[in-house]
């Protein structure tokens, strides 16, 4: 999650691609928002170009409404 999001290309299930990003709520709870679909409808380039910006915008709107902040990378 180096750039504020993670992309899974066939990692969970073959033929499925997804992108996810997280945020920290006002009380410190961690949340994630994701979007994905069939690999032929959601190729990696399309996820990077269209979904990642929309996902970051979605999280920015959520954190403006409820408070909190976009998630930071944690070393696990």
PDB file of N, CA and C in Angstrom:
ATOM      1  N   UNK A   1       0.832  -1.179   0.000  1.00  0.00           N
ATOM      2  CA  UNK A   1       0.000   0.000   0.000  1.00  0.00           C
ATOM      3  C   UNK A   1       0.880   1.245   0.000  1.00  0.00           C
ATOM      4  N   UNK A   2       1.843   1.256  -0.822  1.00  0.00           N
ATOM      5  CA  UNK A   2       2.824   2.338  -0.895  1.00  0.00           C
ATOM      6  C   UNK A   2       2.192   3.670  -1.310  1.00  0.00           C
ATOM      7  N   UNK A   3       1.217   3.646  -2.199  1.00  0.00           N
ATOM      8  CA  UNK A   3       0.620   4.874  -2.721  1.00  0.00           C
ATOM      9  C   UNK A   3      -0.754   5.170  -2.132  1.00  0.00           C
ATOM     10  N   UNK A   4      -1.067   4.592  -0.993  1.00  0.00           N
ATOM     11  CA  UNK A   4      -2.354   4.837  -0.363  1.00  0.00           C
ATOM     12  C   UNK A   4      -3.444   3.883  -0.787  1.00  0.00           C
ATOM     13  N   UNK A   5      -3.091   2.883  -1.573  1.00  0.00           N
ATOM     14  CA  UNK A   5      -4.062   1.891  -1.998  1.00  0.00           C
ATOM     15  C   UNK A   5      -3.337   0.575  -2.283  1.00  0.00           C
ATOM     16  N   UNK A   6      -4.110  -0.472  -2.383  1.00  0.00           N
ATOM     17  CA  UNK A   6      -3.563  -1.783  -2.743  1.00  0.00           C
ATOM     18  C   UNK A   6      -4.371  -2.319  -3.917  1.00  0.00           C
ATOM     19  N   UNK A   7      -3.687  -2.946  -4.847  1.00  0.00           N
ATOM     20  CA  UNK A   7      -4.361  -3.547  -5.993  1.00  0.00           C
ATOM     21  C   UNK A   7      -4.077  -5.042  -5.982  1.00  0.00           C
ATOM     22  N   UNK A   8      -5.137  -5.824  -6.129  1.00  0.00           N
ATOM     23  CA  UNK A   8      -5.021  -7.280  -6.184  1.00  0.00           C
ATOM     24  C   UNK A   8      -5.417  -7.727  -7.588  1.00  0.00           C
ATOM     25  N   UNK A   9      -4.467  -8.279  -8.303  1.00  0.00           N
ATOM     26  CA  UNK A   9      -4.711  -8.762  -9.657  1.00  0.00           C
ATOM     27  C   UNK A   9      -4.729 -10.286  -9.604  1.00  0.00           C
ATOM     28  N   UNK A  10      -5.913 -10.846  -9.513  1.00  0.00           N
ATOM     29  CA  UNK A  10      -6.061 -12.295  -9.450  1.00  0.00           C
ATOM     30  C   UNK A  10      -5.509 -12.926  -8.189  1.00  0.00           C
ATOM     31  N   UNK A  11      -5.265 -12.149  -7.153  1.00  0.00           N
ATOM     32  CA  UNK A  11      -4.663 -12.696  -5.931  1.00  0.00           C
ATOM     33  C   UNK A  11      -5.672 -13.430  -5.065  1.00  0.00           C
ATOM     34  N   UNK A  12      -6.869 -12.885  -4.944  1.00  0.00           N
ATOM     35  CA  UNK A  12      -7.875 -13.526  -4.096  1.00  0.00           C
ATOM     36  C   UNK A  12      -8.518 -14.684  -4.847  1.00  0.00           C
ATOM     37  N   UNK A  13      -8.925 -14.415  -6.082  1.00  0.00           N
ATOM     38  CA  UNK A  13      -9.483 -15.431  -6.969  1.00  0.00           C
ATOM     39  C   UNK A  13      -9.001 -15.147  -8.382  1.00  0.00           C
ATOM     40  N   UNK A  14      -8.650 -16.191  -9.085  1.00  0.00           N
ATOM     41  CA  UNK A  14      -8.255 -16.021 -10.479  1.00  0.00           C
ATOM     42  C   UNK A  14      -9.424 -15.416 -11.251  1.00  0.00           C
ATOM     43  N   UNK A  15      -9.129 -14.428 -12.058  1.00  0.00           N
ATOM     44  CA  UNK A  15     -10.161 -13.783 -12.857  1.00  0.00           C
ATOM     45  C   UNK A  15     -10.844 -12.608 -12.181  1.00  0.00           C
ATOM     46  N   UNK A  16     -10.420 -12.284 -10.959  1.00  0.00           N
ATOM     47  CA  UNK A  16     -10.977 -11.129 -10.249  1.00  0.00           C
ATOM     48  C   UNK A  16      -9.864 -10.147  -9.915  1.00  0.00           C
ATOM     49  N   UNK A  17     -10.092  -8.890 -10.194  1.00  0.00           N
ATOM     50  CA  UNK A  17      -9.152  -7.826  -9.861  1.00  0.00           C
ATOM     51  C   UNK A  17      -9.858  -6.820  -8.963  1.00  0.00           C
ATOM     52  N   UNK A  18      -9.120  -6.214  -8.056  1.00  0.00           N
ATOM     53  CA  UNK A  18      -9.729  -5.257  -7.134  1.00  0.00           C
ATOM     54  C   UNK A  18      -8.704  -4.247  -6.654  1.00  0.00           C
ATOM     55  N   UNK A  19      -9.221  -3.150  -6.142  1.00  0.00           N
ATOM     56  CA  UNK A  19      -8.392  -2.120  -5.525  1.00  0.00           C
ATOM     57  C   UNK A  19      -9.048  -1.747  -4.197  1.00  0.00           C
ATOM     58  N   UNK A  20      -8.233  -1.440  -3.203  1.00  0.00           N
ATOM     59  CA  UNK A  20      -8.743  -1.061  -1.883  1.00  0.00           C
ATOM     60  C   UNK A  20      -7.877   0.043  -1.304  1.00  0.00           C
ATOM     61  N   UNK A  21      -8.489   0.850  -0.470  1.00  0.00           N
ATOM     62  CA  UNK A  21      -7.773   1.893   0.263  1.00  0.00           C
ATOM     63  C   UNK A  21      -8.434   2.018   1.625  1.00  0.00           C
ATOM     64  N   UNK A  22      -7.668   2.486   2.577  1.00  0.00           N
ATOM     65  CA  UNK A  22      -8.198   2.561   3.929  1.00  0.00           C
ATOM     66  C   UNK A  22      -8.192   3.958   4.493  1.00  0.00           C
ATOM     67  N   UNK A  23      -8.863   4.083   5.622  1.00  0.00           N
ATOM     68  CA  UNK A  23      -8.830   5.332   6.366  1.00  0.00           C
ATOM     69  C   UNK A  23      -9.010   5.027   7.840  1.00  0.00           C
ATOM     70  N   UNK A  24      -8.612   5.983   8.643  1.00  0.00           N
ATOM     71  CA  UNK A  24      -8.737   5.871  10.091  1.00  0.00           C
ATOM     72  C   UNK A  24      -9.867   6.793  10.519  1.00  0.00           C
ATOM     73  N   UNK A  25     -10.845   6.235  11.228  1.00  0.00           N
ATOM     74  CA  UNK A  25     -11.984   7.016  11.698  1.00  0.00           C
ATOM     75  C   UNK A  25     -11.603   7.959  12.822  1.00  0.00           C
ATOM     76  N   UNK A  26     -12.539   8.805  13.235  1.00  0.00           N
ATOM     77  CA  UNK A  26     -12.246   9.818  14.241  1.00  0.00           C
ATOM     78  C   UNK A  26     -11.861   9.250  15.606  1.00  0.00           C
ATOM     79  N   UNK A  27     -12.252   8.019  15.882  1.00  0.00           N
ATOM     80  CA  UNK A  27     -11.888   7.399  17.166  1.00  0.00           C
ATOM     81  C   UNK A  27     -10.732   6.420  17.034  1.00  0.00           C
ATOM     82  N   UNK A  28     -10.083   6.419  15.857  1.00  0.00           N
ATOM     83  CA  UNK A  28      -8.930   5.554  15.651  1.00  0.00           C
ATOM     84  C   UNK A  28      -9.237   4.212  15.011  1.00  0.00           C
ATOM     85  N   UNK A  29     -10.517   3.921  14.769  1.00  0.00           N
ATOM     86  CA  UNK A  29     -10.838   2.660  14.113  1.00  0.00           C
ATOM     87  C   UNK A  29     -10.388   2.692  12.650  1.00  0.00           C
ATOM     88  N   UNK A  30     -10.007   1.527  12.145  1.00  0.00           N
ATOM     89  CA  UNK A  30      -9.526   1.425  10.761  1.00  0.00           C
ATOM     90  C   UNK A  30     -10.627   0.851   9.878  1.00  0.00           C
ATOM     91  N   UNK A  31     -10.788   1.444   8.702  1.00  0.00           N
ATOM     92  CA  UNK A  31     -11.794   1.016   7.737  1.00  0.00           C
ATOM     93  C   UNK A  31     -11.133   0.868   6.370  1.00  0.00           C
ATOM     94  N   UNK A  32     -11.787   0.106   5.497  1.00  0.00           N
ATOM     95  CA  UNK A  32     -11.317   0.040   4.117  1.00  0.00           C
ATOM     96  C   UNK A  32     -12.511   0.098   3.176  1.00  0.00           C
ATOM     97  N   UNK A  33     -12.242   0.601   1.993  1.00  0.00           N
ATOM     98  CA  UNK A  33     -13.230   0.675   0.924  1.00  0.00           C
ATOM     99  C   UNK A  33     -12.594  -0.030  -0.259  1.00  0.00           C
ATOM    100  N   UNK A  34     -13.364  -0.892  -0.932  1.00  0.00           N
ATOM    101  CA  UNK A  34     -12.782  -1.595  -2.072  1.00  0.00           C
ATOM    102  C   UNK A  34     -13.755  -1.638  -3.230  1.00  0.00           C
ATOM    103  N   UNK A  35     -13.203  -1.922  -4.388  1.00  0.00           N
ATOM    104  CA  UNK A  35     -13.989  -2.029  -5.610  1.00  0.00           C
ATOM    105  C   UNK A  35     -13.259  -2.990  -6.535  1.00  0.00           C
ATOM    106  N   UNK A  36     -13.999  -3.836  -7.197  1.00  0.00           N
ATOM    107  CA  UNK A  36     -13.362  -4.762  -8.118  1.00  0.00           C
ATOM    108  C   UNK A  36     -14.379  -5.464  -8.984  1.00  0.00           C
ATOM    109  N   UNK A  37     -13.883  -6.354  -9.791  1.00  0.00           N
ATOM    110  CA  UNK A  37     -14.756  -7.107 -10.674  1.00  0.00           C
ATOM    111  C   UNK A  37     -13.969  -8.079 -11.517  1.00  0.00           C
ATOM    112  N   UNK A  38     -14.651  -8.628 -12.495  1.00  0.00           N
ATOM    113  CA  UNK A  38     -14.036  -9.601 -13.393  1.00  0.00           C
ATOM    114  C   UNK A  38     -12.847  -8.964 -14.113  1.00  0.00           C
ATOM    115  N   UNK A  39     -11.791  -9.740 -14.259  1.00  0.00           N
ATOM    116  CA  UNK A  39     -10.552  -9.195 -14.833  1.00  0.00           C
ATOM    117  C   UNK A  39     -10.738  -8.671 -16.254  1.00  0.00           C
ATOM    118  N   UNK A  40     -11.661  -9.249 -17.023  1.00  0.00           N
ATOM    119  CA  UNK A  40     -11.860  -8.751 -18.390  1.00  0.00           C
ATOM    120  C   UNK A  40     -12.602  -7.415 -18.402  1.00  0.00           C
ATOM    121  N   UNK A  41     -13.303  -7.080 -17.313  1.00  0.00           N
ATOM    122  CA  UNK A  41     -13.986  -5.795 -17.213  1.00  0.00           C
ATOM    123  C   UNK A  41     -13.190  -4.782 -16.389  1.00  0.00           C
ATOM    124  N   UNK A  42     -12.288  -5.274 -15.560  1.00  0.00           N
ATOM    125  CA  UNK A  42     -11.491  -4.418 -14.669  1.00  0.00           C
ATOM    126  C   UNK A  42     -10.008  -4.743 -14.811  1.00  0.00           C
ATOM    127  N   UNK A  43      -9.422  -4.497 -15.978  1.00  0.00           N
ATOM    128  CA  UNK A  43      -7.993  -4.773 -16.130  1.00  0.00           C
ATOM    129  C   UNK A  43      -7.170  -3.820 -15.262  1.00  0.00           C
ATOM    130  N   UNK A  44      -5.930  -4.202 -14.940  1.00  0.00           N
ATOM    131  CA  UNK A  44      -5.093  -3.381 -14.058  1.00  0.00           C
ATOM    132  C   UNK A  44      -4.971  -1.923 -14.495  1.00  0.00           C
ATOM    133  N   UNK A  45      -4.792  -1.682 -15.792  1.00  0.00           N
ATOM    134  CA  UNK A  45      -4.632  -0.307 -16.272  1.00  0.00           C
ATOM    135  C   UNK A  45      -5.877   0.516 -15.981  1.00  0.00           C
ATOM    136  N   UNK A  46      -7.054  -0.083 -16.156  1.00  0.00           N
ATOM    137  CA  UNK A  46      -8.318   0.608 -15.910  1.00  0.00           C
ATOM    138  C   UNK A  46      -8.477   0.910 -14.424  1.00  0.00           C
ATOM    139  N   UNK A  47      -8.097  -0.047 -13.574  1.00  0.00           N
ATOM    140  CA  UNK A  47      -8.159   0.184 -12.129  1.00  0.00           C
ATOM    141  C   UNK A  47      -7.277   1.371 -11.749  1.00  0.00           C
ATOM    142  N   UNK A  48      -6.035   1.384 -12.258  1.00  0.00           N
ATOM    143  CA  UNK A  48      -5.108   2.486 -11.947  1.00  0.00           C
ATOM    144  C   UNK A  48      -5.639   3.828 -12.454  1.00  0.00           C
ATOM    145  N   UNK A  49      -6.146   3.835 -13.671  1.00  0.00           N
ATOM    146  CA  UNK A  49      -6.546   5.089 -14.306  1.00  0.00           C
ATOM    147  C   UNK A  49      -7.875   5.641 -13.792  1.00  0.00           C
ATOM    148  N   UNK A  50      -8.836   4.767 -13.531  1.00  0.00           N
ATOM    149  CA  UNK A  50     -10.184   5.230 -13.191  1.00  0.00           C
ATOM    150  C   UNK A  50     -10.600   4.976 -11.742  1.00  0.00           C
ATOM    151  N   UNK A  51     -10.337   3.781 -11.259  1.00  0.00           N
ATOM    152  CA  UNK A  51     -10.858   3.403  -9.943  1.00  0.00           C
ATOM    153  C   UNK A  51     -10.032   3.993  -8.809  1.00  0.00           C
ATOM    154  N   UNK A  52      -8.714   3.958  -8.912  1.00  0.00           N
ATOM    155  CA  UNK A  52      -7.870   4.488  -7.833  1.00  0.00           C
ATOM    156  C   UNK A  52      -8.204   5.954  -7.540  1.00  0.00           C
ATOM    157  N   UNK A  53      -8.268   6.840  -8.544  1.00  0.00           N
ATOM    158  CA  UNK A  53      -8.617   8.229  -8.229  1.00  0.00           C
ATOM    159  C   UNK A  53     -10.011   8.360  -7.598  1.00  0.00           C
ATOM    160  N   UNK A  54     -10.977   7.592  -8.099  1.00  0.00           N
ATOM    161  CA  UNK A  54     -12.330   7.648  -7.541  1.00  0.00           C
ATOM    162  C   UNK A  54     -12.353   7.144  -6.106  1.00  0.00           C
ATOM    163  N   UNK A  55     -11.579   6.113  -5.825  1.00  0.00           N
ATOM    164  CA  UNK A  55     -11.518   5.565  -4.472  1.00  0.00           C
ATOM    165  C   UNK A  55     -10.898   6.570  -3.504  1.00  0.00           C
ATOM    166  N   UNK A  56      -9.824   7.223  -3.913  1.00  0.00           N
ATOM    167  CA  UNK A  56      -9.202   8.245  -3.063  1.00  0.00           C
ATOM    168  C   UNK A  56     -10.163   9.419  -2.839  1.00  0.00           C
ATOM    169  N   UNK A  57     -10.902   9.793  -3.863  1.00  0.00           N
ATOM    170  CA  UNK A  57     -11.894  10.864  -3.719  1.00  0.00           C
ATOM    171  C   UNK A  57     -13.003  10.440  -2.753  1.00  0.00           C
ATOM    172  N   UNK A  58     -13.454   9.205  -2.857  1.00  0.00           N
ATOM    173  CA  UNK A  58     -14.479   8.674  -1.961  1.00  0.00           C
ATOM    174  C   UNK A  58     -14.011   8.728  -0.510  1.00  0.00           C
ATOM    175  N   UNK A  59     -12.801   8.287  -0.266  1.00  0.00           N
ATOM    176  CA  UNK A  59     -12.267   8.289   1.100  1.00  0.00           C
ATOM    177  C   UNK A  59     -12.088   9.718   1.610  1.00  0.00           C
ATOM    178  N   UNK A  60     -11.668  10.620   0.744  1.00  0.00           N
ATOM    179  CA  UNK A  60     -11.538  12.022   1.155  1.00  0.00           C
ATOM    180  C   UNK A  60     -12.895  12.585   1.570  1.00  0.00           C
ATOM    181  N   UNK A  61     -13.942  12.250   0.830  1.00  0.00           N
ATOM    182  CA  UNK A  61     -15.288  12.722   1.180  1.00  0.00           C
ATOM    183  C   UNK A  61     -15.747  12.122   2.502  1.00  0.00           C
ATOM    184  N   UNK A  62     -15.503  10.842   2.697  1.00  0.00           N
ATOM    185  CA  UNK A  62     -15.901  10.189   3.946  1.00  0.00           C
ATOM    186  C   UNK A  62     -15.200  10.838   5.128  1.00  0.00           C
ATOM    187  N   UNK A  63     -13.891  11.024   5.020  1.00  0.00           N
ATOM    188  CA  UNK A  63     -13.152  11.583   6.158  1.00  0.00           C
ATOM    189  C   UNK A  63     -13.527  13.044   6.412  1.00  0.00           C
ATOM    190  N   UNK A  64     -13.906  13.779   5.367  1.00  0.00           N
ATOM    191  CA  UNK A  64     -14.394  15.148   5.585  1.00  0.00           C
ATOM    192  C   UNK A  64     -15.720  15.134   6.348  1.00  0.00           C
ATOM    193  N   UNK A  65     -16.569  14.168   6.047  1.00  0.00           N
ATOM    194  CA  UNK A  65     -17.886  14.082   6.687  1.00  0.00           C
ATOM    195  C   UNK A  65     -17.805  13.621   8.136  1.00  0.00           C
ATOM    196  N   UNK A  66     -17.020  12.577   8.390  1.00  0.00           N
ATOM    197  CA  UNK A  66     -17.023  11.981   9.735  1.00  0.00           C
ATOM    198  C   UNK A  66     -15.793  12.320  10.558  1.00  0.00           C
ATOM    199  N   UNK A  67     -14.792  12.896   9.918  1.00  0.00           N
ATOM    200  CA  UNK A  67     -13.516  13.122  10.595  1.00  0.00           C
ATOM    201  C   UNK A  67     -12.586  11.968  10.280  1.00  0.00           C
ATOM    202  N   UNK A  68     -11.450  11.980  10.868  1.00  0.00           N
ATOM    203  CA  UNK A  68     -10.470  10.934  10.591  1.00  0.00           C
ATOM    204  C   UNK A  68      -9.490  11.368   9.529  1.00  0.00           C
ATOM    205  N   UNK A  69      -8.766  10.392   8.983  1.00  0.00           N
ATOM    206  CA  UNK A  69      -7.722  10.681   8.009  1.00  0.00           C
ATOM    207  C   UNK A  69      -7.483   9.459   7.145  1.00  0.00           C
ATOM    208  N   UNK A  70      -6.970   9.660   5.922  1.00  0.00           N
ATOM    209  CA  UNK A  70      -6.582   8.507   5.111  1.00  0.00           C
ATOM    210  C   UNK A  70      -5.575   7.647   5.867  1.00  0.00           C
ATOM    211  N   UNK A  71      -5.626   6.357   5.635  1.00  0.00           N
ATOM    212  CA  UNK A  71      -4.722   5.433   6.329  1.00  0.00           C
ATOM    213  C   UNK A  71      -3.292   5.656   5.893  1.00  0.00           C
ATOM    214  N   UNK A  72      -2.381   5.421   6.806  1.00  0.00           N
ATOM    215  CA  UNK A  72      -0.954   5.452   6.495  1.00  0.00           C
ATOM    216  C   UNK A  72      -0.464   4.026   6.451  1.00  0.00           C
ATOM    217  N   UNK A  73       0.606   3.828   5.751  1.00  0.00           N
ATOM    218  CA  UNK A  73       1.198   2.497   5.675  1.00  0.00           C
ATOM    219  C   UNK A  73       1.683   2.075   7.055  1.00  0.00           C
ATOM    220  N   UNK A  74       1.382   0.837   7.404  1.00  0.00           N
ATOM    221  CA  UNK A  74       1.891   0.279   8.653  1.00  0.00           C
ATOM    222  C   UNK A  74       2.758  -0.913   8.310  1.00  0.00           C
ATOM    223  N   UNK A  75       3.823  -1.079   9.015  1.00  0.00           N
ATOM    224  CA  UNK A  75       4.709  -2.214   8.782  1.00  0.00           C
ATOM    225  C   UNK A  75       4.235  -3.374   9.630  1.00  0.00           C
ATOM    226  N   UNK A  76       3.878  -4.447   8.951  1.00  0.00           N
ATOM    227  CA  UNK A  76       3.376  -5.631   9.653  1.00  0.00           C
ATOM    228  C   UNK A  76       4.354  -6.759   9.478  1.00  0.00           C
TER     229      UNK A  76
END
